[in-house]
């Protein structure tokens, strides 16, 4: 004769014998591990952010001796002593404008879409693919073009074009 109760007892006994013991999770240990993982991930994320950012320097200055700088667009600048250049925000992405205080020699990487423009006080010097020297230390701004062409202009509409060997 078949008895459901006896069958259940046999199956229940086999299940409890083969079932893995249930472990209780220590919640304090769990939170310690979770916090450790969170700290490690936070430090890794900070390091990845810090080391992958381009730290674009916006101001380059030369104190006692001249200084050579290569800008991110490939333009080479030799900044004369006691002089500085300041990249205007957005340099290299929206435009290529910088401010010059003092003197500098520029070997400009030409770019049709973004012309290279130097603000030297009241005058602006626009590169048309050149190597040139700008001296804006006093009341007079001196520009010497070694190669190529520059356009010098002001906000009032005055405009002069200088070619190589002209100054």
C-alpha atoms as a PDB file:
ATOM      1  CA  UNK A   1       0.000   0.000   0.000  1.00  0.00           C
ATOM      2  CA  UNK A   2       1.269   3.460  -0.891  1.00  0.00           C
ATOM      3  CA  UNK A   3       1.507   6.041   1.868  1.00  0.00           C
ATOM      4  CA  UNK A   4       2.108   9.663   0.935  1.00  0.00           C
ATOM      5  CA  UNK A   5       3.320  10.399   4.439  1.00  0.00           C
ATOM      6  CA  UNK A   6       6.005   7.682   4.288  1.00  0.00           C
ATOM      7  CA  UNK A   7       7.098   8.833   0.828  1.00  0.00           C
ATOM      8  CA  UNK A   8       7.378  12.427   2.025  1.00  0.00           C
ATOM      9  CA  UNK A   9       9.482  11.375   5.034  1.00  0.00           C
ATOM     10  CA  UNK A  10      11.939   9.524   2.741  1.00  0.00           C
ATOM     11  CA  UNK A  11      12.243  12.429   0.324  1.00  0.00           C
ATOM     12  CA  UNK A  12      12.475  14.973   3.138  1.00  0.00           C
ATOM     13  CA  UNK A  13      15.254  12.962   4.833  1.00  0.00           C
ATOM     14  CA  UNK A  14      17.217  12.749   1.571  1.00  0.00           C
ATOM     15  CA  UNK A  15      16.803  16.466   0.920  1.00  0.00           C
ATOM     16  CA  UNK A  16      18.045  17.488   4.336  1.00  0.00           C
ATOM     17  CA  UNK A  17      21.033  15.137   4.127  1.00  0.00           C
ATOM     18  CA  UNK A  18      22.215  16.405   0.716  1.00  0.00           C
ATOM     19  CA  UNK A  19      21.357  20.066   1.159  1.00  0.00           C
ATOM     20  CA  UNK A  20      24.335  22.313   1.749  1.00  0.00           C
ATOM     21  CA  UNK A  21      24.304  24.007   5.092  1.00  0.00           C
ATOM     22  CA  UNK A  22      22.905  27.522   4.986  1.00  0.00           C
ATOM     23  CA  UNK A  23      25.470  30.128   5.944  1.00  0.00           C
ATOM     24  CA  UNK A  24      24.424  33.316   7.528  1.00  0.00           C
ATOM     25  CA  UNK A  25      26.069  36.423   6.134  1.00  0.00           C
ATOM     26  CA  UNK A  26      27.863  38.594   8.612  1.00  0.00           C
ATOM     27  CA  UNK A  27      26.517  42.031   7.657  1.00  0.00           C
ATOM     28  CA  UNK A  28      29.377  43.889   9.323  1.00  0.00           C
ATOM     29  CA  UNK A  29      31.923  41.949   7.280  1.00  0.00           C
ATOM     30  CA  UNK A  30      29.837  42.550   4.142  1.00  0.00           C
ATOM     31  CA  UNK A  31      29.828  46.330   4.708  1.00  0.00           C
ATOM     32  CA  UNK A  32      33.576  46.341   5.374  1.00  0.00           C
ATOM     33  CA  UNK A  33      34.231  44.579   2.085  1.00  0.00           C
ATOM     34  CA  UNK A  34      31.787  46.846   0.217  1.00  0.00           C
ATOM     35  CA  UNK A  35      33.395  49.958   1.714  1.00  0.00           C
ATOM     36  CA  UNK A  36      36.877  48.720   0.764  1.00  0.00           C
ATOM     37  CA  UNK A  37      35.779  48.103  -2.799  1.00  0.00           C
ATOM     38  CA  UNK A  38      34.142  51.543  -2.957  1.00  0.00           C
ATOM     39  CA  UNK A  39      37.345  53.233  -1.725  1.00  0.00           C
ATOM     40  CA  UNK A  40      39.502  51.341  -4.230  1.00  0.00           C
ATOM     41  CA  UNK A  41      37.122  52.206  -7.085  1.00  0.00           C
ATOM     42  CA  UNK A  42      37.017  55.858  -5.979  1.00  0.00           C
ATOM     43  CA  UNK A  43      40.792  56.148  -5.900  1.00  0.00           C
ATOM     44  CA  UNK A  44      41.064  54.406  -9.273  1.00  0.00           C
ATOM     45  CA  UNK A  45      38.442  56.719 -10.805  1.00  0.00           C
ATOM     46  CA  UNK A  46      40.198  59.815  -9.434  1.00  0.00           C
ATOM     47  CA  UNK A  47      43.577  58.609 -10.719  1.00  0.00           C
ATOM     48  CA  UNK A  48      42.140  57.817 -14.147  1.00  0.00           C
ATOM     49  CA  UNK A  49      40.511  61.256 -14.350  1.00  0.00           C
ATOM     50  CA  UNK A  50      43.614  63.092 -13.121  1.00  0.00           C
ATOM     51  CA  UNK A  51      46.086  61.315 -15.379  1.00  0.00           C
ATOM     52  CA  UNK A  52      43.961  61.416 -18.533  1.00  0.00           C
ATOM     53  CA  UNK A  53      43.101  65.112 -18.334  1.00  0.00           C
ATOM     54  CA  UNK A  54      45.061  67.447 -20.535  1.00  0.00           C
ATOM     55  CA  UNK A  55      46.377  70.093 -18.218  1.00  0.00           C
ATOM     56  CA  UNK A  56      46.536  72.939 -20.673  1.00  0.00           C
ATOM     57  CA  UNK A  57      48.750  75.631 -19.310  1.00  0.00           C
ATOM     58  CA  UNK A  58      47.290  79.014 -20.138  1.00  0.00           C
ATOM     59  CA  UNK A  59      50.221  81.261 -19.189  1.00  0.00           C
ATOM     60  CA  UNK A  60      53.852  80.861 -20.221  1.00  0.00           C
ATOM     61  CA  UNK A  61      56.410  83.297 -18.850  1.00  0.00           C
ATOM     62  CA  UNK A  62      60.164  83.761 -19.031  1.00  0.00           C
ATOM     63  CA  UNK A  63      61.838  85.561 -16.129  1.00  0.00           C
ATOM     64  CA  UNK A  64      65.642  85.806 -16.310  1.00  0.00           C
ATOM     65  CA  UNK A  65      66.270  83.872 -19.542  1.00  0.00           C
ATOM     66  CA  UNK A  66      64.290  83.202 -22.693  1.00  0.00           C
ATOM     67  CA  UNK A  67      62.041  80.159 -22.774  1.00  0.00           C
ATOM     68  CA  UNK A  68      60.981  77.890 -25.637  1.00  0.00           C
ATOM     69  CA  UNK A  69      57.413  76.578 -25.759  1.00  0.00           C
ATOM     70  CA  UNK A  70      55.617  74.308 -28.213  1.00  0.00           C
ATOM     71  CA  UNK A  71      51.882  74.975 -28.195  1.00  0.00           C
ATOM     72  CA  UNK A  72      49.390  72.156 -28.690  1.00  0.00           C
ATOM     73  CA  UNK A  73      48.787  73.219 -32.311  1.00  0.00           C
ATOM     74  CA  UNK A  74      52.484  72.727 -33.142  1.00  0.00           C
ATOM     75  CA  UNK A  75      53.432  76.416 -33.031  1.00  0.00           C
ATOM     76  CA  UNK A  76      56.919  77.077 -31.593  1.00  0.00           C
ATOM     77  CA  UNK A  77      57.374  80.186 -29.466  1.00  0.00           C
ATOM     78  CA  UNK A  78      60.575  81.570 -27.976  1.00  0.00           C
ATOM     79  CA  UNK A  79      59.531  83.916 -25.192  1.00  0.00           C
ATOM     80  CA  UNK A  80      62.125  86.604 -24.480  1.00  0.00           C
ATOM     81  CA  UNK A  81      63.222  87.172 -20.884  1.00  0.00           C
ATOM     82  CA  UNK A  82      60.785  89.177 -18.775  1.00  0.00           C
ATOM     83  CA  UNK A  83      58.008  88.387 -21.280  1.00  0.00           C
ATOM     84  CA  UNK A  84      54.924  86.165 -21.328  1.00  0.00           C
ATOM     85  CA  UNK A  85      52.199  84.754 -23.525  1.00  0.00           C
ATOM     86  CA  UNK A  86      48.725  83.934 -22.319  1.00  0.00           C
ATOM     87  CA  UNK A  87      46.479  81.609 -24.291  1.00  0.00           C
ATOM     88  CA  UNK A  88      42.953  82.960 -24.560  1.00  0.00           C
ATOM     89  CA  UNK A  89      40.360  80.455 -23.304  1.00  0.00           C
ATOM     90  CA  UNK A  90      39.385  78.040 -26.075  1.00  0.00           C
ATOM     91  CA  UNK A  91      42.813  78.209 -27.734  1.00  0.00           C
ATOM     92  CA  UNK A  92      43.267  75.361 -30.186  1.00  0.00           C
ATOM     93  CA  UNK A  93      39.613  74.298 -30.180  1.00  0.00           C
ATOM     94  CA  UNK A  94      37.629  77.434 -31.078  1.00  0.00           C
ATOM     95  CA  UNK A  95      40.428  79.782 -32.147  1.00  0.00           C
ATOM     96  CA  UNK A  96      44.171  80.430 -31.841  1.00  0.00           C
ATOM     97  CA  UNK A  97      44.389  83.776 -30.051  1.00  0.00           C
ATOM     98  CA  UNK A  98      46.985  84.646 -27.451  1.00  0.00           C
ATOM     99  CA  UNK A  99      48.138  87.734 -25.599  1.00  0.00           C
ATOM    100  CA  UNK A 100      51.776  88.799 -25.682  1.00  0.00           C
ATOM    101  CA  UNK A 101      53.460  90.929 -23.040  1.00  0.00           C
ATOM    102  CA  UNK A 102      57.026  91.728 -23.995  1.00  0.00           C
ATOM    103  CA  UNK A 103      58.763  89.979 -26.869  1.00  0.00           C
ATOM    104  CA  UNK A 104      58.578  86.630 -28.595  1.00  0.00           C
ATOM    105  CA  UNK A 105      59.655  84.801 -31.721  1.00  0.00           C
ATOM    106  CA  UNK A 106      56.917  82.754 -33.391  1.00  0.00           C
ATOM    107  CA  UNK A 107      57.195  79.863 -35.817  1.00  0.00           C
ATOM    108  CA  UNK A 108      53.529  79.301 -36.530  1.00  0.00           C
ATOM    109  CA  UNK A 109      51.947  76.092 -37.750  1.00  0.00           C
ATOM    110  CA  UNK A 110      49.573  77.478 -40.372  1.00  0.00           C
ATOM    111  CA  UNK A 111      45.870  76.657 -40.195  1.00  0.00           C
ATOM    112  CA  UNK A 112      43.266  77.997 -42.633  1.00  0.00           C
ATOM    113  CA  UNK A 113      40.281  77.252 -40.378  1.00  0.00           C
ATOM    114  CA  UNK A 114      41.838  78.870 -37.288  1.00  0.00           C
ATOM    115  CA  UNK A 115      44.253  81.703 -38.002  1.00  0.00           C
ATOM    116  CA  UNK A 116      46.906  82.483 -35.403  1.00  0.00           C
ATOM    117  CA  UNK A 117      46.371  85.935 -33.835  1.00  0.00           C
ATOM    118  CA  UNK A 118      48.544  87.721 -31.277  1.00  0.00           C
ATOM    119  CA  UNK A 119      47.050  90.518 -29.197  1.00  0.00           C
ATOM    120  CA  UNK A 120      49.951  92.856 -28.415  1.00  0.00           C
ATOM    121  CA  UNK A 121      48.282  95.715 -26.587  1.00  0.00           C
ATOM    122  CA  UNK A 122      46.452  97.956 -29.065  1.00  0.00           C
ATOM    123  CA  UNK A 123      47.632  95.962 -32.113  1.00  0.00           C
ATOM    124  CA  UNK A 124      46.810  92.488 -33.361  1.00  0.00           C
ATOM    125  CA  UNK A 125      49.169  90.415 -35.485  1.00  0.00           C
ATOM    126  CA  UNK A 126      47.549  87.772 -37.683  1.00  0.00           C
ATOM    127  CA  UNK A 127      49.725  85.024 -39.097  1.00  0.00           C
ATOM    128  CA  UNK A 128      49.396  83.849 -42.676  1.00  0.00           C
ATOM    129  CA  UNK A 129      51.962  81.011 -42.328  1.00  0.00           C
ATOM    130  CA  UNK A 130      55.167  82.519 -41.051  1.00  0.00           C
ATOM    131  CA  UNK A 131      58.143  82.919 -38.817  1.00  0.00           C
ATOM    132  CA  UNK A 132      58.236  86.325 -37.194  1.00  0.00           C
ATOM    133  CA  UNK A 133      59.438  88.324 -34.231  1.00  0.00           C
ATOM    134  CA  UNK A 134      57.274  90.665 -32.148  1.00  0.00           C
ATOM    135  CA  UNK A 135      58.663  93.170 -29.662  1.00  0.00           C
ATOM    136  CA  UNK A 136      55.943  94.909 -27.659  1.00  0.00           C
ATOM    137  CA  UNK A 137      57.995  96.003 -24.662  1.00  0.00           C
ATOM    138  CA  UNK A 138      57.624  99.758 -24.981  1.00  0.00           C
ATOM    139  CA  UNK A 139      55.271 102.231 -26.609  1.00  0.00           C
ATOM    140  CA  UNK A 140      56.310 101.005 -30.056  1.00  0.00           C
ATOM    141  CA  UNK A 141      55.478  97.519 -31.302  1.00  0.00           C
ATOM    142  CA  UNK A 142      58.140  96.105 -33.602  1.00  0.00           C
ATOM    143  CA  UNK A 143      57.378  93.202 -35.973  1.00  0.00           C
ATOM    144  CA  UNK A 144      60.019  91.510 -38.159  1.00  0.00           C
ATOM    145  CA  UNK A 145      58.892  88.850 -40.648  1.00  0.00           C
ATOM    146  CA  UNK A 146      61.530  86.223 -41.502  1.00  0.00           C
ATOM    147  CA  UNK A 147      59.289  84.000 -43.606  1.00  0.00           C
ATOM    148  CA  UNK A 148      55.748  84.303 -44.965  1.00  0.00           C
ATOM    149  CA  UNK A 149      53.233  87.089 -44.364  1.00  0.00           C
ATOM    150  CA  UNK A 150      51.573  88.758 -41.356  1.00  0.00           C
ATOM    151  CA  UNK A 151      48.751  91.272 -41.165  1.00  0.00           C
ATOM    152  CA  UNK A 152      48.930  93.908 -38.443  1.00  0.00           C
ATOM    153  CA  UNK A 153      45.689  95.644 -37.551  1.00  0.00           C
ATOM    154  CA  UNK A 154      43.991  97.574 -34.775  1.00  0.00           C
ATOM    155  CA  UNK A 155      40.421  98.005 -33.588  1.00  0.00           C
ATOM    156  CA  UNK A 156      40.077 101.346 -35.442  1.00  0.00           C
ATOM    157  CA  UNK A 157      40.468  99.704 -38.867  1.00  0.00           C
ATOM    158  CA  UNK A 158      44.148 100.362 -39.595  1.00  0.00           C
ATOM    159  CA  UNK A 159      45.681  97.402 -41.457  1.00  0.00           C
ATOM    160  CA  UNK A 160      49.227  96.724 -42.716  1.00  0.00           C
ATOM    161  CA  UNK A 161      50.508  93.605 -44.481  1.00  0.00           C
ATOM    162  CA  UNK A 162      54.164  92.662 -43.981  1.00  0.00           C
ATOM    163  CA  UNK A 163      56.039  90.113 -46.088  1.00  0.00           C
ATOM    164  CA  UNK A 164      59.336  88.368 -45.384  1.00  0.00           C
ATOM    165  CA  UNK A 165      62.337  90.721 -44.935  1.00  0.00           C
ATOM    166  CA  UNK A 166      60.020  93.694 -44.272  1.00  0.00           C
ATOM    167  CA  UNK A 167      59.729  95.310 -40.868  1.00  0.00           C
END
